[in-house]
Amino acid sequence: MSRISIEQVKHVANLSRLAVTEQEALQFQKQLDAIITYAQQLNELDTENVEPTTHVLDMKNVWREDVAGKGLPIKEVLKNAPDHEDGQIRVPAIIE
């Protein structure tokens, strides 16, 4: 007996905005059932003493240090601004 019904396959296809024929639905049912069967094999593994991981490699913070640095001079920042006033960039109002 299949773990996923034709109706469920059609429902998922509909949610995905996919048009499937009856033949395709039967094929997807078999394929999805095989995937579910394979995934359920993982439940047979003894994971009692296995620590949860977030990555397959033992990686620690690989990013650079977040250190504040000197920014651009105001004149340089405003050089390409189409409209500015008192050291600030002016933008069109969006709220009346």
N, C-alpha and C. Protein backbone atom coordinates (compact mmCIF):
# COMPACT_ATOMS: atom_id res chain seq x y z
N MET A 1 0.84 -1.19 0.00
CA MET A 1 0.00 0.00 0.00
C MET A 1 0.88 1.24 0.00
N SER A 2 0.51 2.21 -0.79
CA SER A 2 1.27 3.44 -0.92
C SER A 2 1.05 4.34 0.30
N ARG A 3 2.08 5.06 0.69
CA ARG A 3 1.99 5.98 1.83
C ARG A 3 1.41 7.33 1.42
N ILE A 4 1.29 7.55 0.11
CA ILE A 4 0.76 8.81 -0.39
C ILE A 4 -0.29 8.49 -1.45
N SER A 5 -1.42 9.15 -1.33
CA SER A 5 -2.52 8.85 -2.25
C SER A 5 -2.43 9.72 -3.51
N ILE A 6 -3.18 9.29 -4.52
CA ILE A 6 -3.26 10.07 -5.76
C ILE A 6 -3.84 11.45 -5.45
N GLU A 7 -4.82 11.50 -4.56
CA GLU A 7 -5.42 12.78 -4.20
C GLU A 7 -4.39 13.72 -3.57
N GLN A 8 -3.51 13.18 -2.73
CA GLN A 8 -2.47 13.99 -2.12
C GLN A 8 -1.48 14.49 -3.17
N VAL A 9 -1.14 13.65 -4.12
CA VAL A 9 -0.24 14.05 -5.20
C VAL A 9 -0.88 15.19 -5.99
N LYS A 10 -2.14 15.06 -6.32
CA LYS A 10 -2.84 16.10 -7.08
C LYS A 10 -2.95 17.39 -6.27
N HIS A 11 -3.15 17.24 -4.96
CA HIS A 11 -3.24 18.41 -4.09
C HIS A 11 -1.91 19.17 -4.07
N VAL A 12 -0.82 18.44 -3.93
CA VAL A 12 0.51 19.08 -3.93
C VAL A 12 0.78 19.72 -5.29
N ALA A 13 0.40 19.04 -6.35
CA ALA A 13 0.59 19.60 -7.70
C ALA A 13 -0.22 20.88 -7.84
N ASN A 14 -1.44 20.89 -7.33
CA ASN A 14 -2.27 22.08 -7.39
C ASN A 14 -1.65 23.23 -6.59
N LEU A 15 -1.15 22.94 -5.40
CA LEU A 15 -0.49 23.96 -4.60
C LEU A 15 0.73 24.53 -5.31
N SER A 16 1.40 23.68 -6.09
CA SER A 16 2.58 24.08 -6.84
C SER A 16 2.24 24.70 -8.18
N ARG A 17 0.95 24.79 -8.46
CA ARG A 17 0.47 25.32 -9.73
C ARG A 17 0.98 24.51 -10.91
N LEU A 18 0.97 23.18 -10.74
CA LEU A 18 1.39 22.26 -11.79
C LEU A 18 0.18 21.49 -12.30
N ALA A 19 0.05 21.40 -13.61
CA ALA A 19 -1.00 20.58 -14.20
C ALA A 19 -0.42 19.18 -14.44
N VAL A 20 -1.05 18.18 -13.84
CA VAL A 20 -0.56 16.81 -14.02
C VAL A 20 -1.69 15.94 -14.55
N THR A 21 -1.30 15.02 -15.43
CA THR A 21 -2.27 14.06 -15.96
C THR A 21 -2.41 12.91 -14.98
N GLU A 22 -3.39 12.06 -15.22
CA GLU A 22 -3.56 10.88 -14.36
C GLU A 22 -2.31 10.00 -14.39
N GLN A 23 -1.73 9.84 -15.58
CA GLN A 23 -0.52 9.02 -15.72
C GLN A 23 0.64 9.63 -14.93
N GLU A 24 0.79 10.95 -15.01
CA GLU A 24 1.86 11.62 -14.26
C GLU A 24 1.62 11.51 -12.76
N ALA A 25 0.37 11.64 -12.34
CA ALA A 25 0.04 11.51 -10.92
C ALA A 25 0.41 10.12 -10.40
N LEU A 26 0.13 9.09 -11.18
CA LEU A 26 0.52 7.72 -10.78
C LEU A 26 2.03 7.58 -10.69
N GLN A 27 2.73 8.15 -11.66
CA GLN A 27 4.19 8.08 -11.65
C GLN A 27 4.75 8.82 -10.44
N PHE A 28 4.23 10.04 -10.16
CA PHE A 28 4.70 10.81 -9.01
C PHE A 28 4.37 10.10 -7.70
N GLN A 29 3.22 9.42 -7.66
CA GLN A 29 2.85 8.69 -6.46
C GLN A 29 3.89 7.62 -6.14
N LYS A 30 4.31 6.88 -7.16
CA LYS A 30 5.32 5.84 -6.96
C LYS A 30 6.65 6.45 -6.54
N GLN A 31 7.03 7.53 -7.19
CA GLN A 31 8.31 8.17 -6.88
C GLN A 31 8.30 8.75 -5.47
N LEU A 32 7.22 9.44 -5.10
CA LEU A 32 7.14 10.02 -3.76
C LEU A 32 7.08 8.94 -2.69
N ASP A 33 6.40 7.84 -2.97
CA ASP A 33 6.35 6.73 -2.03
C ASP A 33 7.75 6.16 -1.80
N ALA A 34 8.54 6.06 -2.87
CA ALA A 34 9.92 5.56 -2.75
C ALA A 34 10.77 6.52 -1.90
N ILE A 35 10.55 7.80 -2.07
CA ILE A 35 11.29 8.80 -1.29
C ILE A 35 10.91 8.70 0.18
N ILE A 36 9.61 8.57 0.46
CA ILE A 36 9.14 8.45 1.84
C ILE A 36 9.71 7.19 2.48
N THR A 37 9.70 6.08 1.75
CA THR A 37 10.25 4.82 2.26
C THR A 37 11.72 4.99 2.60
N TYR A 38 12.46 5.62 1.71
CA TYR A 38 13.89 5.83 1.94
C TYR A 38 14.11 6.73 3.17
N ALA A 39 13.32 7.79 3.29
CA ALA A 39 13.48 8.71 4.41
C ALA A 39 13.12 8.03 5.74
N GLN A 40 12.15 7.12 5.70
CA GLN A 40 11.76 6.43 6.93
C GLN A 40 12.84 5.48 7.44
N GLN A 41 13.74 5.08 6.57
CA GLN A 41 14.85 4.24 7.00
C GLN A 41 15.73 4.98 8.01
N LEU A 42 15.74 6.30 7.93
CA LEU A 42 16.53 7.08 8.89
C LEU A 42 16.02 6.91 10.31
N ASN A 43 14.73 6.61 10.46
CA ASN A 43 14.18 6.39 11.80
C ASN A 43 14.73 5.13 12.45
N GLU A 44 15.30 4.24 11.67
CA GLU A 44 15.85 2.99 12.20
C GLU A 44 17.25 3.18 12.79
N LEU A 45 17.87 4.32 12.50
CA LEU A 45 19.22 4.56 12.99
C LEU A 45 19.21 4.93 14.47
N ASP A 46 20.23 4.44 15.19
CA ASP A 46 20.38 4.78 16.60
C ASP A 46 21.13 6.11 16.69
N THR A 47 20.43 7.15 17.05
CA THR A 47 21.04 8.48 17.15
C THR A 47 21.08 8.97 18.60
N GLU A 48 21.03 8.04 19.53
CA GLU A 48 20.97 8.38 20.95
C GLU A 48 22.16 9.23 21.38
N ASN A 49 23.36 8.88 20.97
CA ASN A 49 24.56 9.59 21.42
C ASN A 49 25.14 10.51 20.35
N VAL A 50 24.35 10.90 19.40
CA VAL A 50 24.81 11.78 18.33
C VAL A 50 24.33 13.19 18.63
N GLU A 51 25.30 14.12 18.70
CA GLU A 51 24.94 15.50 18.98
C GLU A 51 24.35 16.15 17.73
N PRO A 52 23.35 16.99 17.91
CA PRO A 52 22.79 17.70 16.76
C PRO A 52 23.82 18.61 16.12
N THR A 53 23.76 18.74 14.81
CA THR A 53 24.69 19.62 14.11
C THR A 53 23.91 20.56 13.21
N THR A 54 24.53 21.68 12.90
CA THR A 54 23.92 22.62 11.97
C THR A 54 24.66 22.63 10.65
N HIS A 55 25.81 21.98 10.60
CA HIS A 55 26.61 21.94 9.39
C HIS A 55 27.42 20.66 9.39
N VAL A 56 27.65 20.09 8.22
CA VAL A 56 28.37 18.83 8.16
C VAL A 56 29.85 18.99 8.49
N LEU A 57 30.38 20.19 8.31
CA LEU A 57 31.77 20.45 8.65
C LEU A 57 31.84 21.21 9.96
N ASP A 58 32.88 20.95 10.74
CA ASP A 58 33.05 21.64 12.01
C ASP A 58 33.59 23.05 11.73
N MET A 59 32.67 23.98 11.56
CA MET A 59 33.07 25.35 11.23
C MET A 59 32.64 26.28 12.35
N LYS A 60 33.53 27.15 12.70
CA LYS A 60 33.21 28.22 13.65
C LYS A 60 33.11 29.50 12.85
N ASN A 61 32.77 30.57 13.48
CA ASN A 61 32.58 31.86 12.83
C ASN A 61 33.64 32.10 11.75
N VAL A 62 33.21 31.99 10.50
CA VAL A 62 34.14 32.17 9.39
C VAL A 62 34.11 33.59 8.84
N TRP A 63 33.34 34.43 9.47
CA TRP A 63 33.23 35.81 9.02
C TRP A 63 34.33 36.66 9.64
N ARG A 64 34.59 37.80 9.03
CA ARG A 64 35.59 38.71 9.58
C ARG A 64 35.05 39.35 10.84
N GLU A 65 35.93 39.92 11.62
CA GLU A 65 35.51 40.64 12.81
C GLU A 65 34.68 41.86 12.40
N ASP A 66 33.65 42.15 13.15
CA ASP A 66 32.81 43.31 12.87
C ASP A 66 33.41 44.50 13.60
N VAL A 67 34.29 45.19 12.91
CA VAL A 67 35.00 46.31 13.50
C VAL A 67 34.56 47.59 12.80
N ALA A 68 34.20 48.59 13.59
CA ALA A 68 33.80 49.86 13.01
C ALA A 68 35.01 50.53 12.38
N GLY A 69 34.79 51.08 11.21
CA GLY A 69 35.87 51.78 10.51
C GLY A 69 35.42 53.16 10.10
N LYS A 70 36.36 53.91 9.60
CA LYS A 70 36.06 55.27 9.17
C LYS A 70 35.20 55.21 7.92
N GLY A 71 34.11 55.97 7.90
CA GLY A 71 33.21 56.01 6.76
C GLY A 71 33.70 57.00 5.71
N LEU A 72 32.92 57.10 4.66
CA LEU A 72 33.25 58.04 3.60
C LEU A 72 32.97 59.47 4.06
N PRO A 73 33.72 60.43 3.53
CA PRO A 73 33.43 61.83 3.85
C PRO A 73 32.04 62.21 3.29
N ILE A 74 31.34 63.10 3.97
CA ILE A 74 29.99 63.52 3.58
C ILE A 74 29.97 64.02 2.14
N LYS A 75 30.98 64.81 1.75
CA LYS A 75 31.01 65.33 0.38
C LYS A 75 31.04 64.19 -0.63
N GLU A 76 31.79 63.15 -0.33
CA GLU A 76 31.88 61.99 -1.22
C GLU A 76 30.54 61.24 -1.30
N VAL A 77 29.88 61.12 -0.17
CA VAL A 77 28.59 60.43 -0.12
C VAL A 77 27.53 61.20 -0.92
N LEU A 78 27.52 62.51 -0.77
CA LEU A 78 26.50 63.34 -1.41
C LEU A 78 26.80 63.65 -2.86
N LYS A 79 27.97 63.29 -3.33
CA LYS A 79 28.39 63.63 -4.68
C LYS A 79 27.41 63.10 -5.74
N ASN A 80 26.91 61.90 -5.57
CA ASN A 80 26.01 61.31 -6.56
C ASN A 80 24.53 61.38 -6.17
N ALA A 81 24.23 62.01 -5.04
CA ALA A 81 22.83 62.14 -4.63
C ALA A 81 22.16 63.19 -5.50
N PRO A 82 21.01 62.88 -6.09
CA PRO A 82 20.35 63.84 -6.96
C PRO A 82 19.85 65.09 -6.21
N ASP A 83 19.54 64.93 -4.92
CA ASP A 83 19.03 66.05 -4.14
C ASP A 83 19.49 65.87 -2.70
N HIS A 84 20.10 66.91 -2.14
CA HIS A 84 20.53 66.83 -0.74
C HIS A 84 20.47 68.21 -0.11
N GLU A 85 20.37 68.21 1.22
CA GLU A 85 20.28 69.46 1.97
C GLU A 85 20.82 69.24 3.37
N ASP A 86 21.64 70.12 3.84
CA ASP A 86 22.22 70.08 5.19
C ASP A 86 22.89 68.73 5.49
N GLY A 87 23.60 68.18 4.50
CA GLY A 87 24.34 66.94 4.71
C GLY A 87 23.49 65.68 4.69
N GLN A 88 22.25 65.80 4.25
CA GLN A 88 21.36 64.64 4.19
C GLN A 88 20.76 64.50 2.80
N ILE A 89 20.51 63.27 2.39
CA ILE A 89 19.92 63.01 1.08
C ILE A 89 18.42 63.21 1.18
N ARG A 90 17.88 64.01 0.26
CA ARG A 90 16.43 64.25 0.22
C ARG A 90 15.79 63.24 -0.72
N VAL A 91 14.67 62.71 -0.28
CA VAL A 91 13.91 61.76 -1.10
C VAL A 91 12.47 62.25 -1.18
N PRO A 92 11.73 61.81 -2.20
CA PRO A 92 10.32 62.22 -2.28
C PRO A 92 9.52 61.71 -1.08
N ALA A 93 8.59 62.52 -0.63
CA ALA A 93 7.72 62.15 0.49
C ALA A 93 6.78 61.03 0.04
N ILE A 94 6.59 60.04 0.89
CA ILE A 94 5.68 58.95 0.56
C ILE A 94 4.43 58.97 1.45
N ILE A 95 4.49 59.76 2.50
CA ILE A 95 3.36 59.90 3.42
C ILE A 95 2.95 61.37 3.44
N GLU A 96 1.68 61.61 3.24
CA GLU A 96 1.21 62.99 3.21
C GLU A 96 1.03 63.54 4.60
